[in-house]
Amino acid sequence: MASARALAWVERLVWILIYGGLFGVVLGIATGGAHLVAGWSLGVLGGIAVAAGLVLIWVRSRLRETTPPGAQSTDNSNRGTT
């Protein structure tokens, strides 16, 4: 169980990793012609970031939000109807 704040943080991190990683891959491809080692390094690091973002999507799908104590409904089954 996770709080709403933690879930929002994970969702934000997912998209930062995915878009940042894709940007790194594109920079790696563009840099590969001028400097091979830098291009491969950027591409691999970008790919790792994208993979981490995809794993976090799976982690986020498994997390459930905890309800605040005041938001729970009471059990009315023991009360008589009037």
PDB file of N, CA and C in Angstrom:
ATOM      1  N   MET A   1       0.835  -1.176   0.000  1.00  0.00           N
ATOM      2  CA  MET A   1       0.000   0.000   0.000  1.00  0.00           C
ATOM      3  C   MET A   1       0.884   1.245   0.000  1.00  0.00           C
ATOM      4  N   ALA A   2       0.536   2.168  -0.824  1.00  0.00           N
ATOM      5  CA  ALA A   2       1.331   3.378  -0.962  1.00  0.00           C
ATOM      6  C   ALA A   2       0.420   4.596  -0.875  1.00  0.00           C
ATOM      7  N   SER A   3       1.005   5.687  -0.442  1.00  0.00           N
ATOM      8  CA  SER A   3       0.237   6.924  -0.342  1.00  0.00           C
ATOM      9  C   SER A   3       0.082   7.551  -1.730  1.00  0.00           C
ATOM     10  N   ALA A   4      -0.825   8.475  -1.836  1.00  0.00           N
ATOM     11  CA  ALA A   4      -1.053   9.159  -3.115  1.00  0.00           C
ATOM     12  C   ALA A   4       0.182   9.942  -3.531  1.00  0.00           C
ATOM     13  N   ARG A   5       0.887  10.474  -2.563  1.00  0.00           N
ATOM     14  CA  ARG A   5       2.104  11.243  -2.860  1.00  0.00           C
ATOM     15  C   ARG A   5       3.189  10.334  -3.432  1.00  0.00           C
ATOM     16  N   ALA A   6       3.340   9.135  -2.864  1.00  0.00           N
ATOM     17  CA  ALA A   6       4.342   8.192  -3.363  1.00  0.00           C
ATOM     18  C   ALA A   6       3.992   7.716  -4.774  1.00  0.00           C
ATOM     19  N   LEU A   7       2.717   7.482  -5.020  1.00  0.00           N
ATOM     20  CA  LEU A   7       2.301   7.054  -6.357  1.00  0.00           C
ATOM     21  C   LEU A   7       2.557   8.138  -7.392  1.00  0.00           C
ATOM     22  N   ALA A   8       2.296   9.380  -7.030  1.00  0.00           N
ATOM     23  CA  ALA A   8       2.554  10.492  -7.951  1.00  0.00           C
ATOM     24  C   ALA A   8       4.047  10.618  -8.232  1.00  0.00           C
ATOM     25  N   TRP A   9       4.869  10.376  -7.210  1.00  0.00           N
ATOM     26  CA  TRP A   9       6.324  10.452  -7.374  1.00  0.00           C
ATOM     27  C   TRP A   9       6.803   9.361  -8.330  1.00  0.00           C
ATOM     28  N   VAL A  10       6.276   8.149  -8.200  1.00  0.00           N
ATOM     29  CA  VAL A  10       6.667   7.052  -9.070  1.00  0.00           C
ATOM     30  C   VAL A  10       6.229   7.339 -10.502  1.00  0.00           C
ATOM     31  N   GLU A  11       5.018   7.836 -10.674  1.00  0.00           N
ATOM     32  CA  GLU A  11       4.533   8.157 -12.019  1.00  0.00           C
ATOM     33  C   GLU A  11       5.384   9.242 -12.680  1.00  0.00           C
ATOM     34  N   ARG A  12       5.770  10.238 -11.905  1.00  0.00           N
ATOM     35  CA  ARG A  12       6.618  11.303 -12.441  1.00  0.00           C
ATOM     36  C   ARG A  12       7.991  10.739 -12.832  1.00  0.00           C
ATOM     37  N   LEU A  13       8.549   9.885 -11.993  1.00  0.00           N
ATOM     38  CA  LEU A  13       9.859   9.292 -12.265  1.00  0.00           C
ATOM     39  C   LEU A  13       9.819   8.403 -13.505  1.00  0.00           C
ATOM     40  N   VAL A  14       8.715   7.702 -13.717  1.00  0.00           N
ATOM     41  CA  VAL A  14       8.563   6.848 -14.901  1.00  0.00           C
ATOM     42  C   VAL A  14       8.749   7.665 -16.168  1.00  0.00           C
ATOM     43  N   TRP A  15       8.025   8.774 -16.265  1.00  0.00           N
ATOM     44  CA  TRP A  15       8.088   9.558 -17.502  1.00  0.00           C
ATOM     45  C   TRP A  15       9.397  10.300 -17.654  1.00  0.00           C
ATOM     46  N   ILE A  16       9.997  10.711 -16.549  1.00  0.00           N
ATOM     47  CA  ILE A  16      11.325  11.337 -16.639  1.00  0.00           C
ATOM     48  C   ILE A  16      12.335  10.343 -17.183  1.00  0.00           C
ATOM     49  N   LEU A  17      12.305   9.110 -16.673  1.00  0.00           N
ATOM     50  CA  LEU A  17      13.246   8.090 -17.147  1.00  0.00           C
ATOM     51  C   LEU A  17      13.001   7.723 -18.606  1.00  0.00           C
ATOM     52  N   ILE A  18      11.746   7.576 -18.993  1.00  0.00           N
ATOM     53  CA  ILE A  18      11.460   7.182 -20.375  1.00  0.00           C
ATOM     54  C   ILE A  18      11.856   8.280 -21.353  1.00  0.00           C
ATOM     55  N   TYR A  19      11.397   9.498 -21.113  1.00  0.00           N
ATOM     56  CA  TYR A  19      11.719  10.571 -22.058  1.00  0.00           C
ATOM     57  C   TYR A  19      13.198  10.953 -22.006  1.00  0.00           C
ATOM     58  N   GLY A  20      13.782  10.976 -20.825  1.00  0.00           N
ATOM     59  CA  GLY A  20      15.223  11.258 -20.723  1.00  0.00           C
ATOM     60  C   GLY A  20      16.051  10.179 -21.390  1.00  0.00           C
ATOM     61  N   GLY A  21      15.631   8.922 -21.216  1.00  0.00           N
ATOM     62  CA  GLY A  21      16.342   7.821 -21.853  1.00  0.00           C
ATOM     63  C   GLY A  21      16.244   7.862 -23.369  1.00  0.00           C
ATOM     64  N   LEU A  22      15.060   8.160 -23.878  1.00  0.00           N
ATOM     65  CA  LEU A  22      14.911   8.275 -25.324  1.00  0.00           C
ATOM     66  C   LEU A  22      15.747   9.429 -25.880  1.00  0.00           C
ATOM     67  N   PHE A  23      15.812  10.513 -25.126  1.00  0.00           N
ATOM     68  CA  PHE A  23      16.660  11.636 -25.534  1.00  0.00           C
ATOM     69  C   PHE A  23      18.123  11.209 -25.556  1.00  0.00           C
ATOM     70  N   GLY A  24      18.539  10.421 -24.561  1.00  0.00           N
ATOM     71  CA  GLY A  24      19.920   9.920 -24.529  1.00  0.00           C
ATOM     72  C   GLY A  24      20.219   8.998 -25.701  1.00  0.00           C
ATOM     73  N   VAL A  25      19.265   8.161 -26.062  1.00  0.00           N
ATOM     74  CA  VAL A  25      19.463   7.272 -27.214  1.00  0.00           C
ATOM     75  C   VAL A  25      19.615   8.085 -28.496  1.00  0.00           C
ATOM     76  N   VAL A  26      18.771   9.097 -28.665  1.00  0.00           N
ATOM     77  CA  VAL A  26      18.855   9.941 -29.860  1.00  0.00           C
ATOM     78  C   VAL A  26      20.184  10.691 -29.891  1.00  0.00           C
ATOM     79  N   LEU A  27      20.616  11.214 -28.742  1.00  0.00           N
ATOM     80  CA  LEU A  27      21.918  11.881 -28.701  1.00  0.00           C
ATOM     81  C   LEU A  27      23.051  10.907 -28.999  1.00  0.00           C
ATOM     82  N   GLY A  28      22.922   9.681 -28.525  1.00  0.00           N
ATOM     83  CA  GLY A  28      23.935   8.672 -28.814  1.00  0.00           C
ATOM     84  C   GLY A  28      24.030   8.363 -30.289  1.00  0.00           C
ATOM     85  N   ILE A  29      22.894   8.269 -30.938  1.00  0.00           N
ATOM     86  CA  ILE A  29      22.892   8.015 -32.383  1.00  0.00           C
ATOM     87  C   ILE A  29      23.507   9.201 -33.124  1.00  0.00           C
ATOM     88  N   ALA A  30      23.140  10.408 -32.712  1.00  0.00           N
ATOM     89  CA  ALA A  30      23.663  11.604 -33.388  1.00  0.00           C
ATOM     90  C   ALA A  30      25.153  11.794 -33.132  1.00  0.00           C
ATOM     91  N   THR A  31      25.628  11.412 -31.953  1.00  0.00           N
ATOM     92  CA  THR A  31      27.030  11.609 -31.588  1.00  0.00           C
ATOM     93  C   THR A  31      27.917  10.482 -32.112  1.00  0.00           C
ATOM     94  N   GLY A  32      27.329   9.339 -32.429  1.00  0.00           N
ATOM     95  CA  GLY A  32      28.106   8.172 -32.833  1.00  0.00           C
ATOM     96  C   GLY A  32      29.014   8.412 -34.029  1.00  0.00           C
ATOM     97  N   GLY A  33      28.629   9.270 -34.938  1.00  0.00           N
ATOM     98  CA  GLY A  33      29.468   9.530 -36.108  1.00  0.00           C
ATOM     99  C   GLY A  33      30.714  10.323 -35.774  1.00  0.00           C
ATOM    100  N   ALA A  34      30.638  11.216 -34.798  1.00  0.00           N
ATOM    101  CA  ALA A  34      31.781  12.054 -34.445  1.00  0.00           C
ATOM    102  C   ALA A  34      32.690  11.371 -33.424  1.00  0.00           C
ATOM    103  N   HIS A  35      32.093  10.708 -32.451  1.00  0.00           N
ATOM    104  CA  HIS A  35      32.879  10.063 -31.403  1.00  0.00           C
ATOM    105  C   HIS A  35      32.177   8.767 -31.023  1.00  0.00           C
ATOM    106  N   LEU A  36      32.763   7.654 -31.424  1.00  0.00           N
ATOM    107  CA  LEU A  36      32.110   6.361 -31.294  1.00  0.00           C
ATOM    108  C   LEU A  36      31.846   5.978 -29.841  1.00  0.00           C
ATOM    109  N   VAL A  37      32.824   6.182 -28.966  1.00  0.00           N
ATOM    110  CA  VAL A  37      32.667   5.777 -27.562  1.00  0.00           C
ATOM    111  C   VAL A  37      31.593   6.615 -26.873  1.00  0.00           C
ATOM    112  N   ALA A  38      31.575   7.911 -27.123  1.00  0.00           N
ATOM    113  CA  ALA A  38      30.564   8.782 -26.521  1.00  0.00           C
ATOM    114  C   ALA A  38      29.167   8.417 -27.032  1.00  0.00           C
ATOM    115  N   GLY A  39      29.064   8.120 -28.311  1.00  0.00           N
ATOM    116  CA  GLY A  39      27.776   7.749 -28.879  1.00  0.00           C
ATOM    117  C   GLY A  39      27.230   6.471 -28.270  1.00  0.00           C
ATOM    118  N   TRP A  40      28.090   5.449 -28.150  1.00  0.00           N
ATOM    119  CA  TRP A  40      27.658   4.199 -27.549  1.00  0.00           C
ATOM    120  C   TRP A  40      27.317   4.378 -26.072  1.00  0.00           C
ATOM    121  N   SER A  41      28.104   5.176 -25.375  1.00  0.00           N
ATOM    122  CA  SER A  41      27.843   5.402 -23.947  1.00  0.00           C
ATOM    123  C   SER A  41      26.495   6.075 -23.736  1.00  0.00           C
ATOM    124  N   LEU A  42      26.231   7.116 -24.508  1.00  0.00           N
ATOM    125  CA  LEU A  42      24.941   7.796 -24.396  1.00  0.00           C
ATOM    126  C   LEU A  42      23.788   6.875 -24.778  1.00  0.00           C
ATOM    127  N   GLY A  43      23.966   6.098 -25.821  1.00  0.00           N
ATOM    128  CA  GLY A  43      22.918   5.198 -26.256  1.00  0.00           C
ATOM    129  C   GLY A  43      22.620   4.110 -25.235  1.00  0.00           C
ATOM    130  N   VAL A  44      23.664   3.527 -24.662  1.00  0.00           N
ATOM    131  CA  VAL A  44      23.466   2.462 -23.680  1.00  0.00           C
ATOM    132  C   VAL A  44      22.850   3.021 -22.403  1.00  0.00           C
ATOM    133  N   LEU A  45      23.347   4.148 -21.922  1.00  0.00           N
ATOM    134  CA  LEU A  45      22.768   4.754 -20.716  1.00  0.00           C
ATOM    135  C   LEU A  45      21.318   5.167 -20.942  1.00  0.00           C
ATOM    136  N   GLY A  46      21.020   5.677 -22.110  1.00  0.00           N
ATOM    137  CA  GLY A  46      19.635   6.018 -22.438  1.00  0.00           C
ATOM    138  C   GLY A  46      18.750   4.786 -22.487  1.00  0.00           C
ATOM    139  N   GLY A  47      19.265   3.706 -23.058  1.00  0.00           N
ATOM    140  CA  GLY A  47      18.502   2.466 -23.102  1.00  0.00           C
ATOM    141  C   GLY A  47      18.240   1.892 -21.715  1.00  0.00           C
ATOM    142  N   ILE A  48      19.223   2.008 -20.827  1.00  0.00           N
ATOM    143  CA  ILE A  48      19.045   1.554 -19.447  1.00  0.00           C
ATOM    144  C   ILE A  48      17.978   2.392 -18.748  1.00  0.00           C
ATOM    145  N   ALA A  49      17.978   3.694 -18.996  1.00  0.00           N
ATOM    146  CA  ALA A  49      16.974   4.569 -18.386  1.00  0.00           C
ATOM    147  C   ALA A  49      15.571   4.222 -18.888  1.00  0.00           C
ATOM    148  N   VAL A  50      15.439   3.946 -20.179  1.00  0.00           N
ATOM    149  CA  VAL A  50      14.134   3.557 -20.727  1.00  0.00           C
ATOM    150  C   VAL A  50      13.684   2.240 -20.106  1.00  0.00           C
ATOM    151  N   ALA A  51      14.598   1.287 -19.987  1.00  0.00           N
ATOM    152  CA  ALA A  51      14.248  -0.002 -19.386  1.00  0.00           C
ATOM    153  C   ALA A  51      13.823   0.176 -17.930  1.00  0.00           C
ATOM    154  N   ALA A  52      14.511   1.058 -17.196  1.00  0.00           N
ATOM    155  CA  ALA A  52      14.131   1.318 -15.806  1.00  0.00           C
ATOM    156  C   ALA A  52      12.745   1.948 -15.735  1.00  0.00           C
ATOM    157  N   GLY A  53      12.439   2.832 -16.666  1.00  0.00           N
ATOM    158  CA  GLY A  53      11.107   3.426 -16.712  1.00  0.00           C
ATOM    159  C   GLY A  53      10.028   2.393 -16.988  1.00  0.00           C
ATOM    160  N   LEU A  54      10.316   1.448 -17.861  1.00  0.00           N
ATOM    161  CA  LEU A  54       9.336   0.394 -18.160  1.00  0.00           C
ATOM    162  C   LEU A  54       9.133  -0.523 -16.957  1.00  0.00           C
ATOM    163  N   VAL A  55      10.211  -0.813 -16.236  1.00  0.00           N
ATOM    164  CA  VAL A  55      10.082  -1.625 -15.020  1.00  0.00           C
ATOM    165  C   VAL A  55       9.247  -0.882 -13.984  1.00  0.00           C
ATOM    166  N   LEU A  56       9.449   0.430 -13.870  1.00  0.00           N
ATOM    167  CA  LEU A  56       8.659   1.209 -12.921  1.00  0.00           C
ATOM    168  C   LEU A  56       7.183   1.264 -13.305  1.00  0.00           C
ATOM    169  N   ILE A  57       6.876   1.184 -14.589  1.00  0.00           N
ATOM    170  CA  ILE A  57       5.470   1.102 -14.995  1.00  0.00           C
ATOM    171  C   ILE A  57       4.863  -0.174 -14.429  1.00  0.00           C
ATOM    172  N   TRP A  58       5.586  -1.276 -14.503  1.00  0.00           N
ATOM    173  CA  TRP A  58       5.098  -2.535 -13.946  1.00  0.00           C
ATOM    174  C   TRP A  58       4.963  -2.441 -12.429  1.00  0.00           C
ATOM    175  N   VAL A  59       5.964  -1.826 -11.774  1.00  0.00           N
ATOM    176  CA  VAL A  59       5.906  -1.670 -10.310  1.00  0.00           C
ATOM    177  C   VAL A  59       4.698  -0.824  -9.930  1.00  0.00           C
ATOM    178  N   ARG A  60       4.465   0.254 -10.651  1.00  0.00           N
ATOM    179  CA  ARG A  60       3.336   1.134 -10.351  1.00  0.00           C
ATOM    180  C   ARG A  60       2.002   0.410 -10.534  1.00  0.00           C
ATOM    181  N   SER A  61       1.939  -0.493 -11.500  1.00  0.00           N
ATOM    182  CA  SER A  61       0.688  -1.223 -11.707  1.00  0.00           C
ATOM    183  C   SER A  61       0.385  -2.162 -10.550  1.00  0.00           C
ATOM    184  N   ARG A  62       1.386  -2.548  -9.782  1.00  0.00           N
ATOM    185  CA  ARG A  62       1.198  -3.439  -8.643  1.00  0.00           C
ATOM    186  C   ARG A  62       0.904  -2.699  -7.348  1.00  0.00           C
ATOM    187  N   LEU A  63       1.166  -1.408  -7.294  1.00  0.00           N
ATOM    188  CA  LEU A  63       0.941  -0.627  -6.079  1.00  0.00           C
ATOM    189  C   LEU A  63      -0.523  -0.204  -5.993  1.00  0.00           C
ATOM    190  N   ARG A  64      -1.055  -0.235  -4.806  1.00  0.00           N
ATOM    191  CA  ARG A  64      -2.414   0.222  -4.565  1.00  0.00           C
ATOM    192  C   ARG A  64      -2.384   1.385  -3.592  1.00  0.00           C
ATOM    193  N   GLU A  65      -3.288   2.311  -3.799  1.00  0.00           N
ATOM    194  CA  GLU A  65      -3.346   3.495  -2.947  1.00  0.00           C
ATOM    195  C   GLU A  65      -4.066   3.160  -1.642  1.00  0.00           C
ATOM    196  N   THR A  66      -3.493   3.615  -0.533  1.00  0.00           N
ATOM    197  CA  THR A  66      -4.156   3.434   0.754  1.00  0.00           C
ATOM    198  C   THR A  66      -5.186   4.537   0.929  1.00  0.00           C
ATOM    199  N   THR A  67      -6.291   4.194   1.504  1.00  0.00           N
ATOM    200  CA  THR A  67      -7.322   5.199   1.745  1.00  0.00           C
ATOM    201  C   THR A  67      -7.044   5.881   3.076  1.00  0.00           C
ATOM    202  N   PRO A  68      -7.253   7.174   3.142  1.00  0.00           N
ATOM    203  CA  PRO A  68      -7.059   7.878   4.411  1.00  0.00           C
ATOM    204  C   PRO A  68      -8.074   7.386   5.440  1.00  0.00           C
ATOM    205  N   PRO A  69      -7.735   7.432   6.733  1.00  0.00           N
ATOM    206  CA  PRO A  69      -8.641   6.903   7.756  1.00  0.00           C
ATOM    207  C   PRO A  69     -10.013   7.567   7.753  1.00  0.00           C
ATOM    208  N   GLY A  70     -10.115   8.842   7.435  1.00  0.00           N
ATOM    209  CA  GLY A  70     -11.393   9.539   7.466  1.00  0.00           C
ATOM    210  C   GLY A  70     -12.285   9.227   6.286  1.00  0.00           C
ATOM    211  N   ALA A  71     -11.760   8.600   5.250  1.00  0.00           N
ATOM    212  CA  ALA A  71     -12.538   8.371   4.037  1.00  0.00           C
ATOM    213  C   ALA A  71     -13.241   7.027   4.028  1.00  0.00           C
ATOM    214  N   GLN A  72     -13.072   6.229   5.044  1.00  0.00           N
ATOM    215  CA  GLN A  72     -13.697   4.917   5.065  1.00  0.00           C
ATOM    216  C   GLN A  72     -15.152   5.032   5.485  1.00  0.00           C
ATOM    217  N   SER A  73     -15.979   4.232   4.868  1.00  0.00           N
ATOM    218  CA  SER A  73     -17.392   4.254   5.215  1.00  0.00           C
ATOM    219  C   SER A  73     -17.631   3.406   6.460  1.00  0.00           C
ATOM    220  N   THR A  74     -18.681   3.725   7.168  1.00  0.00           N
ATOM    221  CA  THR A  74     -19.009   2.958   8.369  1.00  0.00           C
ATOM    222  C   THR A  74     -19.905   1.798   7.993  1.00  0.00           C
ATOM    223  N   ASP A  75     -19.915   0.795   8.829  1.00  0.00           N
ATOM    224  CA  ASP A  75     -20.743  -0.375   8.595  1.00  0.00           C
ATOM    225  C   ASP A  75     -22.129  -0.116   9.170  1.00  0.00           C
ATOM    226  N   ASN A  76     -23.109   0.007   8.297  1.00  0.00           N
ATOM    227  CA  ASN A  76     -24.478   0.309   8.727  1.00  0.00           C
ATOM    228  C   ASN A  76     -25.350  -0.933   8.833  1.00  0.00           C
ATOM    229  N   SER A  77     -24.753  -2.115   8.745  1.00  0.00           N
ATOM    230  CA  SER A  77     -25.569  -3.323   8.745  1.00  0.00           C
ATOM    231  C   SER A  77     -26.173  -3.630  10.113  1.00  0.00           C
ATOM    232  N   ASN A  78     -25.597  -3.102  11.208  1.00  0.00           N
ATOM    233  CA  ASN A  78     -26.112  -3.365  12.547  1.00  0.00           C
ATOM    234  C   ASN A  78     -27.197  -2.367  12.954  1.00  0.00           C
ATOM    235  N   ARG A  79     -27.399  -1.319  12.194  1.00  0.00           N
ATOM    236  CA  ARG A  79     -28.410  -0.317  12.539  1.00  0.00           C
ATOM    237  C   ARG A  79     -29.781  -0.731  12.032  1.00  0.00           C
ATOM    238  N   GLY A  80     -30.757  -0.413  12.778  1.00  0.00           N
ATOM    239  CA  GLY A  80     -32.127  -0.711  12.349  1.00  0.00           C
ATOM    240  C   GLY A  80     -32.612   0.329  11.371  1.00  0.00           C
ATOM    241  N   THR A  81     -33.488  -0.037  10.525  1.00  0.00           N
ATOM    242  CA  THR A  81     -34.049   0.912   9.561  1.00  0.00           C
ATOM    243  C   THR A  81     -35.247   1.612  10.185  1.00  0.00           C
ATOM    244  N   THR A  82     -35.396   2.871   9.900  1.00  0.00           N
ATOM    245  CA  THR A  82     -36.515   3.633  10.444  1.00  0.00           C
ATOM    246  C   THR A  82     -37.410   4.145   9.362  1.00  0.00           C
TER     247      THR A  82
END
